[in-house]
Amino acid sequence: MNGTVECTRCHARMESGWVPDNAHVGLQRQNWCPGEPQPSFWTGLKAAEIDKFIPVTTFRCPNCGHLKSYAIPQSRNGALVSGRSSSRRQLAAVLIGLAFLLIAFGVALLFLIRAK
């Protein structure tokens, strides 16, 4: 968002920032998603249009603490940046965790079979 954002309560200049989303893989940036969320067995919710995620920028008033959030499309070198990278990282972490769980289960099964 270009220019300054004025607090709607006390009219002070607001400062730009972001609100972290504490996920299983660590802190991530919040994203705005178009449409309605769909239920997902594995993750609780899923979004149909993941390529259209927009990172959320939150402004805070240093005087009164009022927060105002905007979904501001951001660009890097002229290309629109979506907020989907955090979702891909989360999926990768879940898949890696499942792989380690399967390996651990296999090792435990081998020890169980050899013990007999």
Protein backbone atom coordinates (compact mmCIF):
# COMPACT_ATOMS: atom_id res chain seq x y z
CA MET A 1 0.00 0.00 0.00
CA ASN A 2 1.54 3.27 -1.10
CA GLY A 3 1.48 6.40 1.03
CA THR A 4 0.53 6.65 4.66
CA VAL A 5 -2.41 5.14 6.47
CA GLU A 6 -4.19 7.32 9.01
CA CYS A 7 -5.80 5.86 12.13
CA THR A 8 -9.58 6.07 11.88
CA ARG A 9 -9.83 6.61 15.64
CA CYS A 10 -7.18 9.18 16.59
CA HIS A 11 -5.89 10.22 13.12
CA ALA A 12 -2.24 9.42 13.88
CA ARG A 13 0.05 7.93 11.21
CA MET A 14 -0.06 4.12 11.41
CA GLU A 15 2.98 1.84 11.10
CA SER A 16 3.12 -1.16 8.77
CA GLY A 17 3.65 -4.69 10.07
CA TRP A 18 2.22 -8.19 10.00
CA VAL A 19 0.44 -10.59 12.35
CA PRO A 20 2.14 -13.98 12.61
CA ASP A 21 0.11 -17.15 12.27
CA ASN A 22 1.53 -19.75 14.66
CA ALA A 23 1.42 -23.02 12.70
CA HIS A 24 2.95 -26.44 13.37
CA VAL A 25 6.00 -25.55 11.27
CA GLY A 26 6.63 -22.19 12.97
CA LEU A 27 5.53 -18.64 12.35
CA GLN A 28 3.91 -17.84 9.03
CA ARG A 29 2.33 -14.76 7.50
CA GLN A 30 -1.44 -14.57 7.30
CA ASN A 31 -3.05 -14.64 3.85
CA TRP A 32 -6.38 -13.55 2.47
CA CYS A 33 -8.12 -16.29 0.48
CA PRO A 34 -10.97 -15.73 -1.99
CA GLY A 35 -14.17 -17.75 -1.66
CA GLU A 36 -15.36 -19.94 1.18
CA PRO A 37 -13.12 -22.46 2.98
CA GLN A 38 -13.83 -26.12 2.33
CA PRO A 39 -13.55 -28.81 5.04
CA SER A 40 -10.45 -31.00 4.83
CA PHE A 41 -9.92 -34.29 6.64
CA TRP A 42 -6.15 -33.76 7.00
CA THR A 43 -5.77 -30.03 7.66
CA GLY A 44 -9.19 -28.89 8.92
CA LEU A 45 -9.76 -26.42 6.09
CA LYS A 46 -8.63 -26.09 2.49
CA ALA A 47 -8.87 -23.27 -0.04
CA ALA A 48 -9.90 -23.86 -3.63
CA GLU A 49 -7.93 -21.01 -5.21
CA ILE A 50 -4.52 -21.31 -3.54
CA ASP A 51 -2.82 -19.39 -6.38
CA LYS A 52 -4.89 -16.31 -5.54
CA PHE A 53 -3.75 -15.93 -1.90
CA ILE A 54 -2.74 -12.39 -0.97
CA PRO A 55 -0.47 -11.68 2.03
CA VAL A 56 -2.15 -9.61 4.77
CA THR A 57 -0.44 -6.40 5.88
CA THR A 58 -1.56 -5.00 9.23
CA PHE A 59 -1.12 -1.38 10.28
CA ARG A 60 -0.90 -0.40 13.95
CA CYS A 61 -1.52 3.01 15.46
CA PRO A 62 1.34 3.88 17.84
CA ASN A 63 -0.99 6.18 19.84
CA CYS A 64 -4.10 4.10 20.50
CA GLY A 65 -3.04 0.60 19.35
CA HIS A 66 -5.81 0.29 16.76
CA LEU A 67 -5.07 -2.38 14.12
CA LYS A 68 -6.24 -2.24 10.52
CA SER A 69 -5.51 -5.12 8.12
CA TYR A 70 -5.37 -5.03 4.32
CA ALA A 71 -4.82 -7.71 1.70
CA ILE A 72 -2.28 -5.86 -0.43
CA PRO A 73 -1.02 -7.57 -3.58
CA GLN A 74 2.77 -7.37 -3.47
CA SER A 75 5.21 -7.60 -6.32
CA ARG A 76 8.82 -8.65 -6.61
CA ASN A 77 10.57 -7.56 -9.81
CA GLY A 78 7.23 -6.81 -11.46
CA ALA A 79 5.74 -10.27 -10.71
CA LEU A 80 2.81 -10.60 -8.33
CA VAL A 81 3.77 -12.49 -5.18
CA SER A 82 1.13 -14.74 -3.64
CA GLY A 83 1.12 -15.95 -0.06
CA ARG A 84 1.02 -19.61 -0.99
CA SER A 85 4.66 -20.38 -0.19
CA SER A 86 3.84 -20.82 3.50
CA SER A 87 1.16 -23.37 2.59
CA ARG A 88 3.66 -25.32 0.49
CA ARG A 89 6.18 -25.27 3.33
CA GLN A 90 3.53 -26.54 5.73
CA LEU A 91 2.60 -29.37 3.35
CA ALA A 92 6.28 -30.29 2.94
CA ALA A 93 6.74 -30.39 6.72
CA VAL A 94 3.68 -32.64 7.11
CA LEU A 95 4.91 -35.00 4.39
CA ILE A 96 8.40 -35.16 5.93
CA GLY A 97 6.84 -35.88 9.32
CA LEU A 98 4.75 -38.69 7.84
CA ALA A 99 7.82 -40.16 6.16
CA PHE A 100 9.73 -40.20 9.47
CA LEU A 101 6.72 -41.74 11.20
CA LEU A 102 6.53 -44.51 8.59
CA ILE A 103 10.27 -45.18 8.91
CA ALA A 104 10.00 -45.34 12.71
CA PHE A 105 7.04 -47.70 12.44
CA GLY A 106 9.00 -49.94 10.04
CA VAL A 107 12.03 -50.05 12.34
CA ALA A 108 9.82 -50.87 15.34
CA LEU A 109 8.12 -53.63 13.34
CA LEU A 110 11.52 -55.09 12.38
CA PHE A 111 12.63 -55.17 16.00
CA LEU A 112 9.34 -56.81 16.98
CA ILE A 113 9.72 -59.49 14.31
CA ARG A 114 13.39 -60.20 15.27
CA ALA A 115 12.49 -60.42 18.96
CA LYS A 116 10.30 -63.46 18.27
